[in-house]
Amino acid sequence: MSPDGVRRKRDKQSLDYVLRSMLAGGMAGCVAKTAVAPLDRVKILFQASNPDFQKYSGTWTGVFRAARDIKRYDGVRGLFQGHSATLLRIFPYAAIKFMAYDQVHDFLMPTRASETNFRRFSAGAVSGTISVFFTYPLELVRVRLAFQTRATSSPLQRPTLSNTIRTIYHEGVVPPPTSATSVPLPATSSPSLSASRTQNRATFQTFPILKFYRGFSVTVLGMIPYAGTSFLVWGYLRSVFIPEPPSITSSTSRADRSPTHPKSKPHLIADLVIGAISGATAQTVSYPFEVIRRRQQVGGLVRPSRWLGFRETVRWRGFFVGLSIGYLKIVPMTAVSFASWEWGKHALGI
């Protein structure tokens, strides 16, 4: 490695580089999420079996009919309900994820020759897990906001960010929702489940912050294949379709590559296409985990005093409910996210 390469490698671990990397990732996440916000809300309503929208699930046209109804009753603003919480969550989530991937990728694969699909997958899985650990409570609040409709919220309490946070914090302390505002769940009478409910209620009363981590374990289980597959496909396809210039060999360290090198410039069309393929592949692999996670996240609205357990949610059918919307959402979102990330890194000189 050249002296300039050593200096650049040291710079990559500096606070200035890390902050620039986080800014590029955070802005990329916000741009991508804003582009698909209406689809994101409809998908959550379908996944969590919202009673107002169950009649639309299972068909491609149902997506547009559901969006039409939301706009009719709540206006354009209704299509973006929960989006403020989305942006509050997505900026730190994407910032941490892309920054962590950048650092882990450089550690595991300092040269092109050292790249393998397993290392690409590992770098993506690690970065995704780190980011979700720090930002999960914001994700839960965002899902709750998007889930609430006329049938699942009180007419006296408008679904706002502050109201939703307050409601989650006090779940299990205030009286549970009435039958008119509750979403029915399959009945269970297992003694082990009853004991688990009592233990969960005591845990929630002692550590109220845990209410903001409903569905966290299954989120991590789903994040590993999602982020791992997404970055694996992204890295592999980029290595195939965006080859290194002749001046860079497979053994050249990334620290020896200047940010102004032609390889560092964004390839907008290629990045959009590769990002779309990466997102579609990752969505297919991890989707059942996402459905289970959504059902656990909204579980506090119907079982406020305890966790909605993994065994309860997997008994429900429809692990691919809303997958068609998932493709409509994840393909453009991932494409925009990866392309914006590459553009942001180039603009910020990293």
Protein backbone atom coordinates (compact mmCIF):
# COMPACT_ATOMS: atom_id res chain seq x y z
CA MET A 1 0.00 0.00 0.00
CA SER A 2 1.35 3.43 -0.91
CA PRO A 3 1.88 6.18 1.70
CA ASP A 4 -1.14 8.00 0.27
CA GLY A 5 -3.11 4.77 0.62
CA VAL A 6 -2.16 4.47 4.29
CA ARG A 7 -3.27 8.04 4.89
CA ARG A 8 -6.58 7.50 3.10
CA LYS A 9 -7.20 4.30 5.02
CA ARG A 10 -6.63 6.18 8.26
CA ASP A 11 -8.91 8.96 7.00
CA LYS A 12 -11.65 6.42 6.31
CA GLN A 13 -11.76 5.65 10.02
CA SER A 14 -11.76 9.32 11.00
CA LEU A 15 -14.78 11.10 12.45
CA ASP A 16 -15.03 13.32 9.37
CA TYR A 17 -15.26 10.34 7.01
CA VAL A 18 -17.74 8.50 9.24
CA LEU A 19 -20.02 11.56 9.47
CA ARG A 20 -19.89 12.09 5.69
CA SER A 21 -20.66 8.41 5.15
CA MET A 22 -23.61 8.60 7.54
CA LEU A 23 -24.93 11.75 5.86
CA ALA A 24 -24.80 10.10 2.43
CA GLY A 25 -26.58 7.01 3.72
CA GLY A 26 -29.19 8.92 5.73
CA MET A 27 -30.16 11.18 2.84
CA ALA A 28 -30.35 8.19 0.48
CA GLY A 29 -32.75 6.46 2.86
CA CYS A 30 -34.99 9.53 3.19
CA VAL A 31 -35.20 10.09 -0.56
CA ALA A 32 -36.05 6.43 -1.18
CA LYS A 33 -38.68 6.22 1.58
CA THR A 34 -40.42 9.41 0.50
CA ALA A 35 -40.72 8.07 -3.04
CA VAL A 36 -42.71 5.03 -1.86
CA ALA A 37 -44.46 6.35 1.28
CA PRO A 38 -48.07 5.79 0.04
CA LEU A 39 -47.31 2.18 -0.97
CA ASP A 40 -45.60 1.63 2.36
CA ARG A 41 -48.71 2.60 4.29
CA VAL A 42 -51.00 0.39 2.22
CA LYS A 43 -48.61 -2.54 2.65
CA ILE A 44 -48.63 -2.19 6.44
CA LEU A 45 -52.43 -2.12 6.48
CA PHE A 46 -52.52 -5.34 4.45
CA GLN A 47 -49.78 -7.14 6.40
CA ALA A 48 -51.33 -6.40 9.77
CA SER A 49 -54.83 -7.43 8.58
CA ASN A 50 -56.42 -4.05 9.25
CA PRO A 51 -60.21 -4.67 9.19
CA ASP A 52 -60.87 -1.64 6.97
CA PHE A 53 -58.62 -2.97 4.21
CA GLN A 54 -58.74 -6.77 4.34
CA LYS A 55 -61.21 -6.76 1.45
CA TYR A 56 -58.55 -5.27 -0.83
CA SER A 57 -55.67 -7.65 -0.06
CA GLY A 58 -54.60 -10.39 -2.43
CA THR A 59 -54.96 -8.53 -5.73
CA TRP A 60 -52.86 -6.06 -7.66
CA THR A 61 -55.79 -3.69 -8.12
CA GLY A 62 -56.45 -3.81 -4.38
CA VAL A 63 -53.38 -1.68 -3.80
CA PHE A 64 -54.76 1.17 -5.87
CA ARG A 65 -58.31 0.82 -4.53
CA ALA A 66 -56.99 0.96 -0.97
CA ALA A 67 -54.94 4.06 -1.77
CA ARG A 68 -58.02 5.61 -3.40
CA ASP A 69 -60.08 5.03 -0.25
CA ILE A 70 -57.38 6.49 1.99
CA LYS A 71 -57.22 9.59 -0.19
CA ARG A 72 -61.02 9.89 -0.30
CA TYR A 73 -61.47 9.85 3.49
CA ASP A 74 -58.20 11.35 4.72
CA GLY A 75 -56.88 13.25 1.72
CA VAL A 76 -53.35 13.11 0.35
CA ARG A 77 -52.13 13.59 3.90
CA GLY A 78 -53.58 10.18 4.77
CA LEU A 79 -51.30 8.50 2.22
CA PHE A 80 -48.35 9.87 4.19
CA GLN A 81 -49.71 9.12 7.66
CA GLY A 82 -46.80 7.99 9.80
CA HIS A 83 -44.24 9.37 7.32
CA SER A 84 -42.82 11.86 9.82
CA ALA A 85 -41.99 8.93 12.08
CA THR A 86 -40.60 7.12 9.03
CA LEU A 87 -38.15 9.93 8.31
CA LEU A 88 -37.16 10.19 11.97
CA ARG A 89 -36.35 6.48 11.86
CA ILE A 90 -35.00 6.06 8.35
CA PHE A 91 -32.33 8.75 8.51
CA PRO A 92 -30.43 7.21 11.45
CA TYR A 93 -31.26 3.69 10.25
CA ALA A 94 -29.91 4.23 6.73
CA ALA A 95 -27.03 6.35 8.02
CA ILE A 96 -25.87 3.63 10.42
CA LYS A 97 -26.52 0.81 7.93
CA PHE A 98 -24.58 2.26 5.02
CA MET A 99 -21.77 3.59 7.22
CA ALA A 100 -21.45 0.22 8.97
CA TYR A 101 -21.49 -1.61 5.64
CA ASP A 102 -18.79 0.70 4.31
CA GLN A 103 -16.56 0.00 7.31
CA VAL A 104 -17.26 -3.75 7.56
CA HIS A 105 -16.88 -4.19 3.80
CA ASP A 106 -13.49 -2.48 3.85
CA PHE A 107 -12.40 -4.65 6.79
CA LEU A 108 -13.53 -7.97 5.28
CA MET A 109 -12.73 -7.16 1.65
CA PRO A 110 -9.90 -4.61 1.37
CA THR A 111 -9.27 -5.59 -2.28
CA ARG A 112 -11.39 -6.77 -5.19
CA ALA A 113 -9.59 -10.13 -5.08
CA SER A 114 -10.70 -10.66 -1.48
CA GLU A 115 -14.39 -10.28 -2.32
CA THR A 116 -16.58 -13.38 -1.97
CA ASN A 117 -20.33 -13.79 -1.88
CA PHE A 118 -20.17 -15.04 1.71
CA ARG A 119 -18.25 -11.93 2.79
CA ARG A 120 -20.66 -9.68 0.92
CA PHE A 121 -23.58 -11.38 2.66
CA SER A 122 -21.85 -11.15 6.06
CA ALA A 123 -21.07 -7.45 5.66
CA GLY A 124 -24.68 -6.70 4.75
CA ALA A 125 -26.12 -8.82 7.59
CA VAL A 126 -23.86 -7.21 10.19
CA SER A 127 -24.58 -3.67 9.05
CA GLY A 128 -28.34 -4.30 8.94
CA THR A 129 -28.38 -5.83 12.43
CA ILE A 130 -26.39 -2.95 13.92
CA SER A 131 -28.67 -0.33 12.40
CA VAL A 132 -31.94 -1.98 13.44
CA PHE A 133 -30.74 -2.38 17.03
CA PHE A 134 -30.33 1.39 17.43
CA THR A 135 -33.45 2.49 15.55
CA TYR A 136 -36.10 -0.17 16.24
CA PRO A 137 -38.33 1.90 18.61
CA LEU A 138 -38.80 4.48 15.87
CA GLU A 139 -39.78 1.70 13.47
CA LEU A 140 -42.43 0.47 15.90
CA VAL A 141 -43.90 3.96 16.28
CA ARG A 142 -43.96 4.39 12.51
CA VAL A 143 -45.82 1.10 11.98
CA ARG A 144 -48.39 1.96 14.66
CA LEU A 145 -49.08 5.32 13.03
CA ALA A 146 -49.50 3.75 9.60
CA PHE A 147 -51.75 0.97 10.98
CA GLN A 148 -54.28 3.18 12.74
CA THR A 149 -57.53 3.86 10.89
CA ARG A 150 -61.08 4.72 11.89
CA ALA A 151 -61.70 1.13 13.04
CA THR A 152 -58.56 0.85 15.18
CA SER A 153 -58.26 4.26 16.84
CA SER A 154 -60.34 6.31 19.20
CA PRO A 155 -62.42 9.06 17.58
CA LEU A 156 -61.26 11.38 20.37
CA GLN A 157 -57.56 10.81 19.81
CA ARG A 158 -56.01 11.68 16.46
CA PRO A 159 -53.09 9.39 15.49
CA THR A 160 -50.10 11.70 15.97
CA LEU A 161 -46.48 10.93 16.77
CA SER A 162 -46.72 12.10 20.40
CA ASN A 163 -50.03 10.33 21.02
CA THR A 164 -48.70 7.08 19.57
CA ILE A 165 -45.55 7.16 21.72
CA ARG A 166 -47.64 7.89 24.80
CA THR A 167 -50.06 5.08 23.99
CA ILE A 168 -47.30 2.51 23.52
CA TYR A 169 -45.62 3.53 26.78
CA HIS A 170 -48.85 3.12 28.78
CA GLU A 171 -50.07 -0.09 27.13
CA GLY A 172 -51.06 -2.64 29.75
CA VAL A 173 -51.53 0.08 32.37
CA VAL A 174 -54.58 1.83 30.98
CA PRO A 175 -57.73 -0.20 30.27
CA PRO A 176 -57.36 -2.32 27.12
CA PRO A 177 -59.27 -1.37 23.94
CA THR A 178 -62.96 -2.23 23.81
CA SER A 179 -64.26 -4.91 21.50
CA ALA A 180 -65.39 -2.21 19.11
CA THR A 181 -61.82 -1.03 18.56
CA SER A 182 -59.96 -4.30 18.88
CA VAL A 183 -58.80 -6.50 16.07
CA PRO A 184 -59.79 -10.12 16.77
CA LEU A 185 -57.01 -12.67 17.13
CA PRO A 186 -57.19 -16.45 17.25
CA ALA A 187 -58.10 -17.63 20.75
CA THR A 188 -55.56 -19.69 22.68
CA SER A 189 -55.97 -21.62 25.89
CA SER A 190 -52.54 -23.14 26.40
CA PRO A 191 -51.40 -23.08 30.07
CA SER A 192 -47.90 -22.22 28.96
CA LEU A 193 -49.22 -19.21 27.07
CA SER A 194 -51.16 -18.06 30.15
CA ALA A 195 -48.03 -18.24 32.28
CA SER A 196 -46.13 -16.37 29.58
CA ARG A 197 -48.74 -13.62 29.55
CA THR A 198 -48.44 -13.09 33.29
CA GLN A 199 -44.66 -12.92 33.06
CA ASN A 200 -44.78 -10.50 30.11
CA ARG A 201 -47.20 -8.22 31.97
CA ALA A 202 -44.84 -8.03 34.96
CA THR A 203 -41.87 -7.39 32.65
CA PHE A 204 -43.68 -4.57 30.87
CA GLN A 205 -44.59 -2.93 34.18
CA THR A 206 -40.98 -3.08 35.37
CA PHE A 207 -39.36 -2.10 32.04
CA PRO A 208 -41.87 -0.03 30.00
CA ILE A 209 -39.22 0.71 27.38
CA LEU A 210 -39.47 -2.93 26.23
CA LYS A 211 -42.91 -2.13 24.79
CA PHE A 212 -41.04 -0.27 22.04
CA TYR A 213 -39.25 -3.52 21.10
CA ARG A 214 -42.29 -5.65 20.22
CA GLY A 215 -41.29 -7.92 17.36
CA PHE A 216 -37.59 -7.10 17.72
CA SER A 217 -36.32 -10.69 17.76
CA VAL A 218 -38.11 -11.64 14.55
CA THR A 219 -36.95 -8.34 13.03
CA VAL A 220 -33.34 -9.39 13.58
CA LEU A 221 -34.09 -12.84 12.16
CA GLY A 222 -35.54 -11.19 9.08
CA MET A 223 -32.85 -8.52 8.81
CA ILE A 224 -30.04 -11.05 8.42
CA PRO A 225 -31.35 -12.57 5.16
CA TYR A 226 -32.76 -9.24 3.93
CA ALA A 227 -29.72 -7.01 4.37
CA GLY A 228 -27.31 -9.85 3.67
CA THR A 229 -29.00 -10.80 0.41
CA SER A 230 -29.51 -7.20 -0.65
CA PHE A 231 -25.84 -6.27 -0.30
CA LEU A 232 -24.69 -9.63 -1.66
CA VAL A 233 -26.65 -9.19 -4.91
CA TRP A 234 -25.66 -5.51 -5.07
CA GLY A 235 -21.96 -6.24 -4.67
CA TYR A 236 -21.95 -9.24 -6.99
CA LEU A 237 -23.83 -7.57 -9.85
CA ARG A 238 -21.72 -4.43 -9.56
CA SER A 239 -18.54 -6.49 -9.75
CA VAL A 240 -19.86 -8.15 -12.92
CA PHE A 241 -21.44 -5.22 -14.76
CA ILE A 242 -19.31 -2.32 -13.49
CA PRO A 243 -15.77 -3.71 -13.83
CA GLU A 244 -12.70 -2.00 -12.44
CA PRO A 245 -10.80 0.24 -14.89
CA PRO A 246 -7.63 -1.28 -16.37
CA SER A 247 -5.47 0.93 -14.14
CA ILE A 248 -6.74 -0.87 -11.03
CA THR A 249 -5.81 -4.48 -10.43
CA SER A 250 -7.68 -6.99 -8.32
CA SER A 251 -5.03 -6.70 -5.60
CA THR A 252 -5.10 -2.91 -5.40
CA SER A 253 -6.29 -1.80 -1.98
CA ARG A 254 -9.37 0.38 -1.87
CA ALA A 255 -7.41 2.77 0.30
CA ASP A 256 -5.16 3.45 -2.72
CA ARG A 257 -8.11 4.58 -4.84
CA SER A 258 -8.80 8.28 -5.02
CA PRO A 259 -12.41 9.45 -4.66
CA THR A 260 -11.94 11.22 -8.03
CA HIS A 261 -11.06 7.96 -9.79
CA PRO A 262 -13.54 7.08 -12.62
CA LYS A 263 -14.59 3.94 -10.74
CA SER A 264 -15.82 6.13 -7.89
CA LYS A 265 -18.23 8.08 -10.10
CA PRO A 266 -21.87 6.97 -9.86
CA HIS A 267 -23.39 4.95 -12.70
CA LEU A 268 -27.00 6.10 -12.37
CA ILE A 269 -28.83 3.70 -14.70
CA ALA A 270 -26.74 0.68 -13.72
CA ASP A 271 -27.10 1.47 -10.02
CA LEU A 272 -30.89 1.83 -10.35
CA VAL A 273 -31.25 -1.50 -12.17
CA ILE A 274 -28.88 -3.38 -9.88
CA GLY A 275 -30.52 -1.84 -6.81
CA ALA A 276 -33.96 -2.91 -8.05
CA ILE A 277 -32.82 -6.51 -8.58
CA SER A 278 -31.16 -6.55 -5.16
CA GLY A 279 -34.29 -5.31 -3.45
CA ALA A 280 -36.63 -7.75 -5.21
CA THR A 281 -34.40 -10.71 -4.35
CA ALA A 282 -33.99 -9.70 -0.72
CA GLN A 283 -37.72 -9.03 -0.32
CA THR A 284 -38.63 -12.51 -1.55
CA VAL A 285 -36.17 -14.22 0.79
CA SER A 286 -37.16 -12.33 3.94
CA TYR A 287 -40.85 -11.53 3.44
CA PRO A 288 -42.39 -14.12 5.84
CA PHE A 289 -40.29 -12.64 8.67
CA GLU A 290 -41.59 -9.19 7.78
CA VAL A 291 -45.24 -10.29 8.00
CA ILE A 292 -44.67 -11.87 11.43
CA ARG A 293 -42.86 -8.74 12.57
CA ARG A 294 -45.73 -6.44 11.52
CA ARG A 295 -48.26 -8.57 13.39
CA GLN A 296 -46.15 -8.48 16.54
CA GLN A 297 -45.61 -4.72 16.24
CA VAL A 298 -49.33 -3.95 16.14
CA GLY A 299 -50.00 -6.58 18.82
CA GLY A 300 -50.00 -3.89 21.49
CA LEU A 301 -53.26 -2.53 20.11
CA VAL A 302 -55.04 -5.84 20.76
CA ARG A 303 -52.92 -7.44 23.52
CA PRO A 304 -51.54 -4.37 25.36
CA SER A 305 -50.39 -6.18 28.49
CA ARG A 306 -48.10 -8.76 26.89
CA TRP A 307 -45.99 -9.76 23.92
CA LEU A 308 -47.77 -11.24 20.93
CA GLY A 309 -45.68 -14.42 20.78
CA PHE A 310 -43.95 -15.93 17.79
CA ARG A 311 -46.00 -19.15 18.05
CA GLU A 312 -49.25 -17.20 17.94
CA THR A 313 -48.34 -15.21 14.86
CA VAL A 314 -46.97 -18.15 12.87
CA ARG A 315 -50.31 -19.94 13.33
CA TRP A 316 -51.94 -17.31 11.16
CA ARG A 317 -51.98 -17.90 7.45
CA GLY A 318 -50.87 -15.50 4.78
CA PHE A 319 -47.09 -15.25 5.15
CA PHE A 320 -46.94 -13.62 1.73
CA VAL A 321 -49.89 -11.25 2.20
CA GLY A 322 -48.98 -7.93 0.60
CA LEU A 323 -45.96 -9.33 -1.27
CA SER A 324 -47.18 -7.81 -4.53
CA ILE A 325 -47.18 -4.40 -2.82
CA GLY A 326 -43.80 -5.31 -1.39
CA TYR A 327 -42.41 -5.62 -4.89
CA LEU A 328 -44.09 -2.40 -6.01
CA LYS A 329 -42.52 -0.66 -3.04
CA ILE A 330 -39.17 -2.35 -2.54
CA VAL A 331 -38.01 -2.35 -6.17
CA PRO A 332 -38.10 1.45 -6.64
CA MET A 333 -37.12 2.10 -3.02
CA THR A 334 -33.98 -0.04 -3.10
CA ALA A 335 -33.07 1.22 -6.55
CA VAL A 336 -33.35 4.85 -5.44
CA SER A 337 -31.63 4.11 -2.14
CA PHE A 338 -28.51 2.50 -3.63
CA ALA A 339 -28.27 5.01 -6.48
CA SER A 340 -28.70 7.95 -4.08
CA TRP A 341 -26.07 6.45 -1.78
CA GLU A 342 -23.52 6.20 -4.58
CA TRP A 343 -24.34 9.74 -5.73
CA GLY A 344 -24.11 11.06 -2.17
CA LYS A 345 -20.73 9.46 -1.57
CA HIS A 346 -19.41 10.99 -4.79
CA ALA A 347 -20.84 14.43 -3.95
CA LEU A 348 -19.31 14.34 -0.48
CA GLY A 349 -15.94 13.16 -1.77
CA ILE A 350 -15.84 9.76 -0.05
